[in-house]
Amino acid sequence: MTLPFAMTRIASSLRLTALPLALVASIAGAQAVAPSPATPALPPSAASVSAESLAEFAWLEGCWTGNVNQRDFREQWMPLRGGMMLGVSQVVMGGKTVGYEYLKLESRPDGAYYVAAPSDAKEAAFRYVGVTVDTAGDRGDHLYAFENPALEFPRRIVYRHATGGWLYAQVEGKVNGADRQVIYPMRHVDCATGAFLGK
């Protein structure tokens, strides 16, 4: 997915986090290239969805890859084990790594959190606020939202689990007072061969 943020300088100064966050730093002014439906707002009841259980994120296990504006990005998640899921992301341009992050999904006393530690910034945690289902146009996409209201950008990260092995990582917030949304389209792939998986 991509980030429409005028970016390398802003990303460095804002100390962005999370795969979508590391990508912000590396994708200067990129626009989404894959189809991505709008993110519906979470209903008030979404926050009451079991924030303690990480099992609902099991679909993330494995490798996800995408390419936008000559930047290849990859996110890899290990299976749920010991109360957390661990992940890593990498952005490569012209054969050179331009950003990476260590990721985790973990349970805390007040809920589940998406935590990102990018290569060029401090760790940031985003609380899970719930899942919604987008059924528009015969879709069945599940949108998993995480927020950190203390941050300007990114303030919200949404993982849209779409059909056909697609994942759209959406990063939202404000940059210089203006609303910004960046979308990273990724496909589920076999970690060893890179072959697309349809789930």
N, C-alpha and C. Protein backbone atom coordinates (compact mmCIF):
# COMPACT_ATOMS: atom_id res chain seq x y z
N MET A 1 0.83 -1.15 0.00
CA MET A 1 0.00 0.00 0.00
C MET A 1 0.88 1.22 0.00
N THR A 2 0.33 2.38 -0.17
CA THR A 2 1.19 3.53 -0.33
C THR A 2 0.84 4.66 0.61
N LEU A 3 1.76 5.60 0.66
CA LEU A 3 1.58 6.72 1.55
C LEU A 3 1.58 8.02 0.80
N PRO A 4 0.41 8.75 0.78
CA PRO A 4 0.41 10.04 0.11
C PRO A 4 0.91 11.12 1.04
N PHE A 5 2.11 11.04 1.51
CA PHE A 5 2.63 12.06 2.41
C PHE A 5 3.89 12.63 1.82
N ALA A 6 4.02 13.90 1.85
CA ALA A 6 5.17 14.57 1.27
C ALA A 6 6.33 14.33 2.20
N MET A 7 7.07 13.37 2.01
CA MET A 7 7.42 12.44 3.02
C MET A 7 8.75 12.24 3.67
N THR A 8 9.79 12.14 2.97
CA THR A 8 11.02 11.74 3.65
C THR A 8 11.32 12.67 4.81
N ARG A 9 11.26 13.97 4.60
CA ARG A 9 11.53 14.91 5.69
C ARG A 9 10.47 14.84 6.77
N ILE A 10 9.23 14.80 6.38
CA ILE A 10 8.15 14.73 7.37
C ILE A 10 8.27 13.45 8.17
N ALA A 11 8.52 12.34 7.49
CA ALA A 11 8.63 11.06 8.19
C ALA A 11 9.75 11.09 9.20
N SER A 12 10.90 11.66 8.81
CA SER A 12 12.03 11.72 9.74
C SER A 12 11.71 12.60 10.93
N SER A 13 11.09 13.75 10.66
CA SER A 13 10.81 14.66 11.76
C SER A 13 9.70 14.15 12.66
N LEU A 14 8.77 13.40 12.12
CA LEU A 14 7.67 12.89 12.94
C LEU A 14 8.00 11.56 13.59
N ARG A 15 9.13 10.95 13.19
CA ARG A 15 9.55 9.67 13.75
C ARG A 15 8.44 8.64 13.61
N LEU A 16 8.07 8.30 12.38
CA LEU A 16 6.98 7.39 12.11
C LEU A 16 7.33 5.96 12.49
N THR A 17 6.28 5.15 12.69
CA THR A 17 6.48 3.77 13.07
C THR A 17 5.53 2.84 12.36
N ALA A 18 5.84 1.54 12.35
CA ALA A 18 5.07 0.44 11.79
C ALA A 18 5.35 0.29 10.31
N LEU A 19 5.24 -0.95 9.77
CA LEU A 19 5.56 -1.14 8.34
C LEU A 19 5.00 0.02 7.57
N PRO A 20 3.73 0.26 7.70
CA PRO A 20 3.21 1.38 6.97
C PRO A 20 3.96 2.64 7.35
N LEU A 21 4.51 2.68 8.50
CA LEU A 21 5.21 3.87 8.95
C LEU A 21 6.59 3.93 8.36
N ALA A 22 7.30 2.81 8.32
CA ALA A 22 8.63 2.78 7.71
C ALA A 22 8.50 3.10 6.23
N LEU A 23 7.42 2.68 5.63
CA LEU A 23 7.20 2.95 4.22
C LEU A 23 6.96 4.43 3.98
N VAL A 24 6.35 5.10 4.93
CA VAL A 24 6.12 6.53 4.79
C VAL A 24 7.44 7.21 4.57
N ALA A 25 8.44 6.83 5.33
CA ALA A 25 9.75 7.45 5.22
C ALA A 25 10.40 7.14 3.88
N SER A 26 10.08 6.01 3.29
CA SER A 26 10.77 5.63 2.07
C SER A 26 9.99 5.94 0.80
N ILE A 27 8.70 6.19 0.90
CA ILE A 27 7.90 6.45 -0.30
C ILE A 27 7.50 7.91 -0.31
N ALA A 28 8.27 8.72 -0.95
CA ALA A 28 8.04 10.16 -0.96
C ALA A 28 6.90 10.50 -1.89
N GLY A 29 5.78 10.90 -1.27
CA GLY A 29 4.65 11.36 -2.05
C GLY A 29 3.99 10.30 -2.90
N ALA A 30 4.14 9.04 -2.58
CA ALA A 30 3.57 7.97 -3.39
C ALA A 30 2.06 7.93 -3.25
N GLN A 31 1.39 7.45 -4.27
CA GLN A 31 -0.06 7.27 -4.25
C GLN A 31 -0.36 5.79 -4.38
N ALA A 32 -1.47 5.33 -3.84
CA ALA A 32 -1.84 3.92 -3.92
C ALA A 32 -2.00 3.51 -5.37
N VAL A 33 -1.53 2.30 -5.71
CA VAL A 33 -1.64 1.83 -7.08
C VAL A 33 -2.60 0.66 -7.21
N ALA A 34 -2.92 0.00 -6.13
CA ALA A 34 -3.85 -1.12 -6.20
C ALA A 34 -5.21 -0.63 -5.74
N PRO A 35 -6.26 -1.30 -6.17
CA PRO A 35 -7.59 -0.87 -5.76
C PRO A 35 -7.75 -0.97 -4.26
N SER A 36 -8.32 0.04 -3.67
CA SER A 36 -8.52 0.04 -2.23
C SER A 36 -9.81 0.75 -1.88
N PRO A 37 -10.78 0.02 -1.39
CA PRO A 37 -12.03 0.64 -1.01
C PRO A 37 -11.85 1.54 0.20
N ALA A 38 -12.75 2.49 0.35
CA ALA A 38 -12.69 3.40 1.49
C ALA A 38 -12.88 2.62 2.79
N THR A 39 -12.30 3.13 3.85
CA THR A 39 -12.41 2.49 5.15
C THR A 39 -13.65 3.01 5.86
N PRO A 40 -14.62 2.15 6.14
CA PRO A 40 -15.79 2.62 6.88
C PRO A 40 -15.42 2.93 8.32
N ALA A 41 -16.09 3.90 8.91
CA ALA A 41 -15.82 4.24 10.31
C ALA A 41 -16.27 3.08 11.19
N LEU A 42 -15.54 2.88 12.28
CA LEU A 42 -15.91 1.83 13.22
C LEU A 42 -17.13 2.24 14.01
N PRO A 43 -18.09 1.36 14.14
CA PRO A 43 -19.24 1.68 14.98
C PRO A 43 -18.80 1.69 16.44
N PRO A 44 -19.54 2.40 17.31
CA PRO A 44 -19.16 2.45 18.72
C PRO A 44 -18.99 1.07 19.34
N SER A 45 -19.74 0.08 18.88
CA SER A 45 -19.66 -1.25 19.48
C SER A 45 -18.40 -2.00 19.08
N ALA A 46 -17.67 -1.51 18.05
CA ALA A 46 -16.49 -2.24 17.59
C ALA A 46 -15.43 -2.34 18.67
N ALA A 47 -15.31 -1.32 19.50
CA ALA A 47 -14.29 -1.34 20.54
C ALA A 47 -14.56 -2.42 21.57
N SER A 48 -15.79 -2.90 21.64
CA SER A 48 -16.11 -3.93 22.62
C SER A 48 -15.74 -5.33 22.13
N VAL A 49 -15.30 -5.45 20.86
CA VAL A 49 -14.84 -6.74 20.35
C VAL A 49 -13.66 -7.18 21.21
N SER A 50 -13.54 -8.45 21.47
CA SER A 50 -12.49 -8.97 22.34
C SER A 50 -11.10 -8.47 21.96
N ALA A 51 -10.66 -7.43 22.65
CA ALA A 51 -9.34 -6.87 22.40
C ALA A 51 -8.26 -7.74 23.04
N GLU A 52 -8.63 -8.64 23.91
CA GLU A 52 -7.65 -9.49 24.61
C GLU A 52 -7.15 -10.63 23.73
N SER A 53 -7.96 -11.08 22.82
CA SER A 53 -7.62 -12.26 22.04
C SER A 53 -6.81 -11.89 20.80
N LEU A 54 -5.66 -12.51 20.65
CA LEU A 54 -4.85 -12.30 19.46
C LEU A 54 -5.13 -13.35 18.39
N ALA A 55 -5.93 -14.35 18.74
CA ALA A 55 -6.20 -15.43 17.79
C ALA A 55 -6.86 -14.93 16.51
N GLU A 56 -7.60 -13.83 16.58
CA GLU A 56 -8.27 -13.32 15.39
C GLU A 56 -7.29 -12.74 14.37
N PHE A 57 -6.03 -12.62 14.75
CA PHE A 57 -5.01 -12.11 13.84
C PHE A 57 -4.18 -13.24 13.20
N ALA A 58 -4.58 -14.48 13.42
CA ALA A 58 -3.82 -15.63 12.90
C ALA A 58 -3.67 -15.57 11.37
N TRP A 59 -4.61 -14.95 10.68
CA TRP A 59 -4.55 -14.84 9.23
C TRP A 59 -3.32 -14.06 8.75
N LEU A 60 -2.73 -13.24 9.63
CA LEU A 60 -1.55 -12.45 9.27
C LEU A 60 -0.29 -13.30 9.11
N GLU A 61 -0.28 -14.48 9.69
CA GLU A 61 0.92 -15.33 9.67
C GLU A 61 1.43 -15.52 8.25
N GLY A 62 2.73 -15.39 8.09
CA GLY A 62 3.35 -15.59 6.79
C GLY A 62 3.90 -14.29 6.21
N CYS A 63 4.05 -14.29 4.89
CA CYS A 63 4.70 -13.17 4.20
C CYS A 63 3.72 -12.41 3.32
N TRP A 64 3.89 -11.11 3.28
CA TRP A 64 3.07 -10.19 2.49
C TRP A 64 4.03 -9.27 1.75
N THR A 65 3.77 -9.05 0.46
CA THR A 65 4.69 -8.22 -0.31
C THR A 65 3.94 -7.29 -1.25
N GLY A 66 4.55 -6.14 -1.53
CA GLY A 66 3.96 -5.16 -2.44
C GLY A 66 5.04 -4.31 -3.07
N ASN A 67 4.65 -3.53 -4.06
CA ASN A 67 5.59 -2.67 -4.77
C ASN A 67 4.86 -1.40 -5.16
N VAL A 68 5.43 -0.25 -4.79
CA VAL A 68 4.87 1.04 -5.15
C VAL A 68 6.03 1.99 -5.44
N ASN A 69 5.95 2.69 -6.56
CA ASN A 69 6.96 3.69 -6.93
C ASN A 69 8.39 3.16 -6.79
N GLN A 70 8.65 2.03 -7.37
CA GLN A 70 9.97 1.40 -7.38
C GLN A 70 10.47 1.00 -6.00
N ARG A 71 9.59 0.93 -5.05
CA ARG A 71 9.94 0.49 -3.70
C ARG A 71 9.24 -0.85 -3.45
N ASP A 72 10.04 -1.84 -3.09
CA ASP A 72 9.49 -3.15 -2.75
C ASP A 72 9.39 -3.21 -1.24
N PHE A 73 8.23 -3.60 -0.73
CA PHE A 73 8.09 -3.75 0.71
C PHE A 73 7.57 -5.13 1.03
N ARG A 74 8.01 -5.62 2.17
CA ARG A 74 7.65 -6.97 2.60
C ARG A 74 7.41 -6.96 4.10
N GLU A 75 6.38 -7.66 4.50
CA GLU A 75 6.07 -7.81 5.92
C GLU A 75 5.94 -9.29 6.18
N GLN A 76 6.57 -9.77 7.26
CA GLN A 76 6.52 -11.20 7.59
C GLN A 76 6.13 -11.35 9.05
N TRP A 77 5.13 -12.22 9.31
CA TRP A 77 4.63 -12.46 10.66
C TRP A 77 4.82 -13.92 11.06
N MET A 78 5.32 -14.12 12.27
CA MET A 78 5.42 -15.47 12.84
C MET A 78 4.07 -15.84 13.44
N PRO A 79 3.82 -17.13 13.67
CA PRO A 79 2.55 -17.54 14.27
C PRO A 79 2.43 -17.07 15.72
N LEU A 80 1.20 -16.97 16.19
CA LEU A 80 0.92 -16.62 17.58
C LEU A 80 1.59 -17.64 18.50
N ARG A 81 2.39 -17.14 19.42
CA ARG A 81 3.09 -18.03 20.35
C ARG A 81 3.48 -17.24 21.59
N GLY A 82 3.25 -17.81 22.76
CA GLY A 82 3.65 -17.15 24.00
C GLY A 82 2.94 -15.84 24.24
N GLY A 83 1.72 -15.71 23.73
CA GLY A 83 0.94 -14.50 23.99
C GLY A 83 1.23 -13.33 23.06
N MET A 84 1.99 -13.57 21.97
CA MET A 84 2.22 -12.47 21.03
C MET A 84 2.55 -13.01 19.64
N MET A 85 2.38 -12.14 18.65
CA MET A 85 2.82 -12.42 17.29
C MET A 85 3.95 -11.44 17.00
N LEU A 86 5.03 -11.94 16.42
CA LEU A 86 6.17 -11.10 16.08
C LEU A 86 6.26 -10.96 14.57
N GLY A 87 6.65 -9.77 14.13
CA GLY A 87 6.78 -9.52 12.71
C GLY A 87 7.95 -8.61 12.41
N VAL A 88 8.26 -8.51 11.13
CA VAL A 88 9.32 -7.62 10.67
C VAL A 88 8.91 -7.10 9.29
N SER A 89 9.34 -5.89 8.99
CA SER A 89 9.08 -5.34 7.66
C SER A 89 10.36 -4.76 7.10
N GLN A 90 10.42 -4.72 5.76
CA GLN A 90 11.61 -4.20 5.08
C GLN A 90 11.17 -3.49 3.81
N VAL A 91 11.80 -2.35 3.52
CA VAL A 91 11.55 -1.60 2.29
C VAL A 91 12.87 -1.54 1.53
N VAL A 92 12.83 -1.96 0.25
CA VAL A 92 14.02 -1.98 -0.59
C VAL A 92 13.76 -1.14 -1.83
N MET A 93 14.76 -0.34 -2.20
CA MET A 93 14.68 0.46 -3.43
C MET A 93 16.03 0.36 -4.15
N GLY A 94 15.99 -0.02 -5.40
CA GLY A 94 17.23 -0.15 -6.16
C GLY A 94 18.21 -1.14 -5.57
N GLY A 95 17.68 -2.20 -4.96
CA GLY A 95 18.53 -3.22 -4.37
C GLY A 95 19.11 -2.86 -3.01
N LYS A 96 18.69 -1.73 -2.44
CA LYS A 96 19.22 -1.28 -1.15
C LYS A 96 18.09 -1.11 -0.14
N THR A 97 18.31 -1.60 1.09
CA THR A 97 17.32 -1.42 2.15
C THR A 97 17.26 0.06 2.54
N VAL A 98 16.05 0.62 2.48
CA VAL A 98 15.88 2.03 2.85
C VAL A 98 15.06 2.19 4.14
N GLY A 99 14.58 1.09 4.70
CA GLY A 99 13.86 1.14 5.96
C GLY A 99 13.46 -0.26 6.41
N TYR A 100 13.33 -0.42 7.73
CA TYR A 100 12.86 -1.68 8.27
C TYR A 100 12.24 -1.42 9.64
N GLU A 101 11.44 -2.39 10.10
CA GLU A 101 10.78 -2.27 11.40
C GLU A 101 10.63 -3.64 12.04
N TYR A 102 10.66 -3.63 13.36
CA TYR A 102 10.29 -4.80 14.14
C TYR A 102 8.88 -4.55 14.63
N LEU A 103 8.01 -5.56 14.49
CA LEU A 103 6.59 -5.42 14.81
C LEU A 103 6.16 -6.48 15.80
N LYS A 104 5.13 -6.17 16.57
CA LYS A 104 4.52 -7.21 17.41
C LYS A 104 3.07 -6.86 17.69
N LEU A 105 2.30 -7.91 17.85
CA LEU A 105 0.93 -7.81 18.34
C LEU A 105 0.97 -8.47 19.70
N GLU A 106 0.55 -7.73 20.72
CA GLU A 106 0.63 -8.27 22.08
C GLU A 106 -0.58 -7.87 22.89
N SER A 107 -0.89 -8.70 23.90
CA SER A 107 -1.96 -8.39 24.84
C SER A 107 -1.38 -7.62 26.02
N ARG A 108 -2.10 -6.59 26.43
CA ARG A 108 -1.75 -5.82 27.62
C ARG A 108 -3.00 -5.78 28.49
N PRO A 109 -2.87 -5.34 29.74
CA PRO A 109 -4.05 -5.34 30.61
C PRO A 109 -5.24 -4.58 30.05
N ASP A 110 -5.00 -3.55 29.23
CA ASP A 110 -6.12 -2.77 28.70
C ASP A 110 -6.48 -3.12 27.26
N GLY A 111 -5.95 -4.22 26.73
CA GLY A 111 -6.32 -4.64 25.39
C GLY A 111 -5.15 -5.15 24.58
N ALA A 112 -5.41 -5.32 23.29
CA ALA A 112 -4.38 -5.79 22.36
C ALA A 112 -3.72 -4.58 21.71
N TYR A 113 -2.43 -4.70 21.39
CA TYR A 113 -1.68 -3.59 20.82
C TYR A 113 -0.86 -4.04 19.62
N TYR A 114 -0.75 -3.14 18.64
CA TYR A 114 0.15 -3.25 17.50
C TYR A 114 1.32 -2.35 17.85
N VAL A 115 2.52 -2.91 17.94
CA VAL A 115 3.69 -2.15 18.38
C VAL A 115 4.73 -2.20 17.25
N ALA A 116 5.24 -1.03 16.89
CA ALA A 116 6.23 -0.94 15.82
C ALA A 116 7.47 -0.22 16.30
N ALA A 117 8.63 -0.78 15.96
CA ALA A 117 9.92 -0.16 16.28
C ALA A 117 10.69 0.00 14.97
N PRO A 118 10.55 1.16 14.32
CA PRO A 118 11.22 1.36 13.03
C PRO A 118 12.71 1.62 13.18
N SER A 119 13.42 1.51 12.07
CA SER A 119 14.87 1.66 12.07
C SER A 119 15.32 3.08 12.40
N ASP A 120 14.46 4.06 12.19
CA ASP A 120 14.88 5.45 12.39
C ASP A 120 14.05 6.22 13.42
N ALA A 121 13.32 5.51 14.27
CA ALA A 121 12.45 6.21 15.23
C ALA A 121 12.22 5.35 16.47
N LYS A 122 11.59 5.97 17.47
CA LYS A 122 11.27 5.25 18.70
C LYS A 122 10.05 4.35 18.49
N GLU A 123 9.96 3.35 19.34
CA GLU A 123 8.83 2.43 19.32
C GLU A 123 7.53 3.19 19.59
N ALA A 124 6.45 2.77 18.92
CA ALA A 124 5.13 3.35 19.15
C ALA A 124 4.11 2.22 19.24
N ALA A 125 3.14 2.37 20.12
CA ALA A 125 2.11 1.35 20.33
C ALA A 125 0.74 1.91 19.95
N PHE A 126 -0.06 1.07 19.27
CA PHE A 126 -1.39 1.45 18.81
C PHE A 126 -2.39 0.44 19.38
N ARG A 127 -3.37 0.92 20.15
CA ARG A 127 -4.34 0.03 20.80
C ARG A 127 -5.37 -0.45 19.79
N TYR A 128 -5.68 -1.73 19.85
CA TYR A 128 -6.70 -2.32 18.99
C TYR A 128 -8.06 -1.80 19.41
N VAL A 129 -8.80 -1.23 18.44
CA VAL A 129 -10.12 -0.67 18.76
C VAL A 129 -11.26 -1.48 18.18
N GLY A 130 -10.95 -2.48 17.36
CA GLY A 130 -12.01 -3.35 16.89
C GLY A 130 -11.90 -3.72 15.42
N VAL A 131 -12.82 -4.58 15.02
CA VAL A 131 -12.89 -5.05 13.64
C VAL A 131 -14.27 -4.76 13.08
N THR A 132 -14.32 -4.35 11.83
CA THR A 132 -15.59 -4.17 11.12
C THR A 132 -15.50 -4.99 9.83
N VAL A 133 -16.66 -5.23 9.24
CA VAL A 133 -16.70 -5.97 7.98
C VAL A 133 -17.31 -5.06 6.92
N ASP A 134 -16.61 -4.91 5.81
CA ASP A 134 -17.09 -4.11 4.69
C ASP A 134 -17.77 -5.06 3.72
N THR A 135 -19.08 -4.95 3.59
CA THR A 135 -19.84 -5.83 2.71
C THR A 135 -20.29 -5.12 1.45
N ALA A 136 -19.85 -3.88 1.23
CA ALA A 136 -20.25 -3.13 0.04
C ALA A 136 -19.80 -3.85 -1.22
N GLY A 137 -20.68 -3.90 -2.20
CA GLY A 137 -20.33 -4.50 -3.48
C GLY A 137 -19.93 -5.95 -3.40
N ASP A 138 -20.61 -6.72 -2.59
CA ASP A 138 -20.32 -8.15 -2.43
C ASP A 138 -18.96 -8.42 -1.81
N ARG A 139 -18.41 -7.44 -1.12
CA ARG A 139 -17.12 -7.63 -0.44
C ARG A 139 -17.37 -8.32 0.89
N GLY A 140 -16.31 -8.80 1.46
CA GLY A 140 -16.36 -9.38 2.80
C GLY A 140 -15.08 -9.06 3.54
N ASP A 141 -14.53 -7.88 3.27
CA ASP A 141 -13.26 -7.48 3.88
C ASP A 141 -13.40 -7.23 5.38
N HIS A 142 -12.42 -7.68 6.14
CA HIS A 142 -12.36 -7.42 7.57
C HIS A 142 -11.34 -6.32 7.81
N LEU A 143 -11.73 -5.29 8.54
CA LEU A 143 -10.87 -4.15 8.83
C LEU A 143 -10.52 -4.14 10.31
N TYR A 144 -9.24 -4.31 10.62
CA TYR A 144 -8.74 -4.36 11.99
C TYR A 144 -8.06 -3.02 12.27
N ALA A 145 -8.63 -2.26 13.21
CA ALA A 145 -8.14 -0.89 13.44
C ALA A 145 -7.38 -0.77 14.76
N PHE A 146 -6.30 0.01 14.72
CA PHE A 146 -5.44 0.29 15.87
C PHE A 146 -5.24 1.80 15.94
N GLU A 147 -5.28 2.37 17.16
CA GLU A 147 -5.15 3.82 17.28
C GLU A 147 -4.21 4.21 18.41
N ASN A 148 -3.59 5.37 18.22
CA ASN A 148 -2.81 6.03 19.27
C ASN A 148 -3.14 7.52 19.18
N PRO A 149 -4.15 7.98 19.96
CA PRO A 149 -4.59 9.37 19.87
C PRO A 149 -3.53 10.39 20.30
N ALA A 150 -2.45 9.93 20.94
CA ALA A 150 -1.39 10.85 21.36
C ALA A 150 -0.50 11.27 20.19
N LEU A 151 -0.59 10.55 19.06
CA LEU A 151 0.25 10.86 17.91
C LEU A 151 -0.53 11.65 16.88
N GLU A 152 0.16 12.50 16.17
CA GLU A 152 -0.42 13.26 15.07
C GLU A 152 -0.48 12.37 13.82
N PHE A 153 0.70 11.84 13.46
CA PHE A 153 0.78 10.92 12.34
C PHE A 153 1.89 9.92 12.60
N PRO A 154 1.60 8.68 12.50
CA PRO A 154 0.27 8.13 12.26
C PRO A 154 -0.53 8.08 13.56
N ARG A 155 -1.80 8.27 13.45
CA ARG A 155 -2.70 8.18 14.59
C ARG A 155 -3.49 6.87 14.55
N ARG A 156 -3.71 6.37 13.35
CA ARG A 156 -4.55 5.18 13.17
C ARG A 156 -3.93 4.29 12.09
N ILE A 157 -3.92 2.99 12.36
CA ILE A 157 -3.46 2.00 11.39
C ILE A 157 -4.58 0.98 11.21
N VAL A 158 -4.94 0.72 9.97
CA VAL A 158 -6.00 -0.24 9.67
C VAL A 158 -5.43 -1.31 8.75
N TYR A 159 -5.58 -2.56 9.15
CA TYR A 159 -5.20 -3.69 8.30
C TYR A 159 -6.50 -4.22 7.70
N ARG A 160 -6.64 -4.05 6.39
CA ARG A 160 -7.83 -4.54 5.67
C ARG A 160 -7.48 -5.89 5.07
N HIS A 161 -8.10 -6.95 5.62
CA HIS A 161 -7.89 -8.30 5.09
C HIS A 161 -8.94 -8.54 4.02
N ALA A 162 -8.52 -8.45 2.76
CA ALA A 162 -9.44 -8.56 1.64
C ALA A 162 -9.36 -9.95 1.02
N THR A 163 -10.25 -10.20 0.07
CA THR A 163 -10.29 -11.49 -0.59
C THR A 163 -9.13 -11.63 -1.57
N GLY A 164 -8.88 -12.86 -2.01
CA GLY A 164 -7.86 -13.12 -3.01
C GLY A 164 -6.43 -12.97 -2.50
N GLY A 165 -6.23 -13.02 -1.19
CA GLY A 165 -4.89 -12.91 -0.64
C GLY A 165 -4.36 -11.49 -0.56
N TRP A 166 -5.24 -10.50 -0.53
CA TRP A 166 -4.83 -9.09 -0.44
C TRP A 166 -4.88 -8.58 0.99
N LEU A 167 -3.93 -7.72 1.30
CA LEU A 167 -3.89 -6.98 2.57
C LEU A 167 -3.61 -5.52 2.21
N TYR A 168 -4.43 -4.62 2.76
CA TYR A 168 -4.20 -3.19 2.58
C TYR A 168 -3.88 -2.60 3.94
N ALA A 169 -2.66 -2.14 4.11
CA ALA A 169 -2.28 -1.48 5.36
C ALA A 169 -2.50 0.01 5.16
N GLN A 170 -3.43 0.58 5.93
CA GLN A 170 -3.76 1.99 5.82
C GLN A 170 -3.22 2.73 7.03
N VAL A 171 -2.53 3.83 6.76
CA VAL A 171 -1.96 4.66 7.81
C VAL A 171 -2.65 6.01 7.72
N GLU A 172 -3.23 6.46 8.84
CA GLU A 172 -4.02 7.70 8.82
C GLU A 172 -3.60 8.63 9.94
N GLY A 173 -3.82 9.90 9.72
CA GLY A 173 -3.52 10.91 10.73
C GLY A 173 -3.50 12.29 10.10
N LYS A 174 -2.78 13.20 10.74
CA LYS A 174 -2.67 14.57 10.24
C LYS A 174 -1.21 14.94 10.04
N VAL A 175 -0.94 15.65 8.94
CA VAL A 175 0.39 16.19 8.66
C VAL A 175 0.19 17.68 8.40
N ASN A 176 0.83 18.51 9.22
CA ASN A 176 0.67 19.96 9.13
C ASN A 176 -0.80 20.37 9.16
N GLY A 177 -1.59 19.70 10.00
CA GLY A 177 -2.99 20.03 10.18
C GLY A 177 -3.94 19.46 9.14
N ALA A 178 -3.41 18.85 8.09
CA ALA A 178 -4.25 18.29 7.03
C ALA A 178 -4.37 16.78 7.20
N ASP A 179 -5.57 16.25 6.93
CA ASP A 179 -5.78 14.81 6.99
C ASP A 179 -4.94 14.12 5.94
N ARG A 180 -4.33 12.99 6.33
CA ARG A 180 -3.52 12.20 5.41
C ARG A 180 -3.88 10.73 5.57
N GLN A 181 -3.87 10.02 4.45
CA GLN A 181 -4.08 8.58 4.46
C GLN A 181 -3.13 7.97 3.44
N VAL A 182 -2.40 6.95 3.85
CA VAL A 182 -1.49 6.24 2.98
C VAL A 182 -1.91 4.78 2.96
N ILE A 183 -1.90 4.19 1.78
CA ILE A 183 -2.35 2.80 1.66
C ILE A 183 -1.26 1.96 1.00
N TYR A 184 -0.91 0.85 1.65
CA TYR A 184 0.07 -0.09 1.13
C TYR A 184 -0.63 -1.37 0.70
N PRO A 185 -0.72 -1.63 -0.60
CA PRO A 185 -1.34 -2.89 -1.05
C PRO A 185 -0.31 -4.02 -1.01
N MET A 186 -0.67 -5.12 -0.39
CA MET A 186 0.24 -6.26 -0.31
C MET A 186 -0.51 -7.54 -0.64
N ARG A 187 0.23 -8.50 -1.20
CA ARG A 187 -0.32 -9.82 -1.50
C ARG A 187 0.32 -10.84 -0.59
N HIS A 188 -0.46 -11.84 -0.20
CA HIS A 188 0.03 -12.95 0.62
C HIS A 188 0.87 -13.84 -0.30
N VAL A 189 2.12 -14.11 0.10
CA VAL A 189 3.02 -14.91 -0.73
C VAL A 189 3.66 -16.02 0.08
N ASP A 190 4.13 -17.03 -0.63
CA ASP A 190 4.91 -18.09 0.00
C ASP A 190 6.26 -17.47 0.39
N CYS A 191 6.64 -17.59 1.64
CA CYS A 191 7.86 -16.95 2.15
C CYS A 191 9.12 -17.42 1.42
N ALA A 192 9.16 -18.69 1.00
CA ALA A 192 10.36 -19.22 0.36
C ALA A 192 10.41 -18.93 -1.13
N THR A 193 9.27 -19.06 -1.83
CA THR A 193 9.29 -18.94 -3.28
C THR A 193 8.79 -17.58 -3.79
N GLY A 194 8.01 -16.88 -2.99
CA GLY A 194 7.43 -15.61 -3.43
C GLY A 194 6.17 -15.79 -4.26
N ALA A 195 5.72 -17.04 -4.43
CA ALA A 195 4.51 -17.31 -5.21
C ALA A 195 3.29 -16.77 -4.47
N PHE A 196 2.36 -16.16 -5.21
CA PHE A 196 1.15 -15.61 -4.61
C PHE A 196 0.27 -16.73 -4.05
N LEU A 197 -0.28 -16.47 -2.88
CA LEU A 197 -1.23 -17.38 -2.25
C LEU A 197 -2.59 -16.71 -2.33
N GLY A 198 -3.60 -17.46 -2.59
CA GLY A 198 -4.93 -16.86 -2.76
C GLY A 198 -5.75 -16.76 -1.50
N LYS A 199 -5.10 -16.74 -0.33
CA LYS A 199 -5.88 -16.68 0.90
C LYS A 199 -5.36 -15.63 1.83
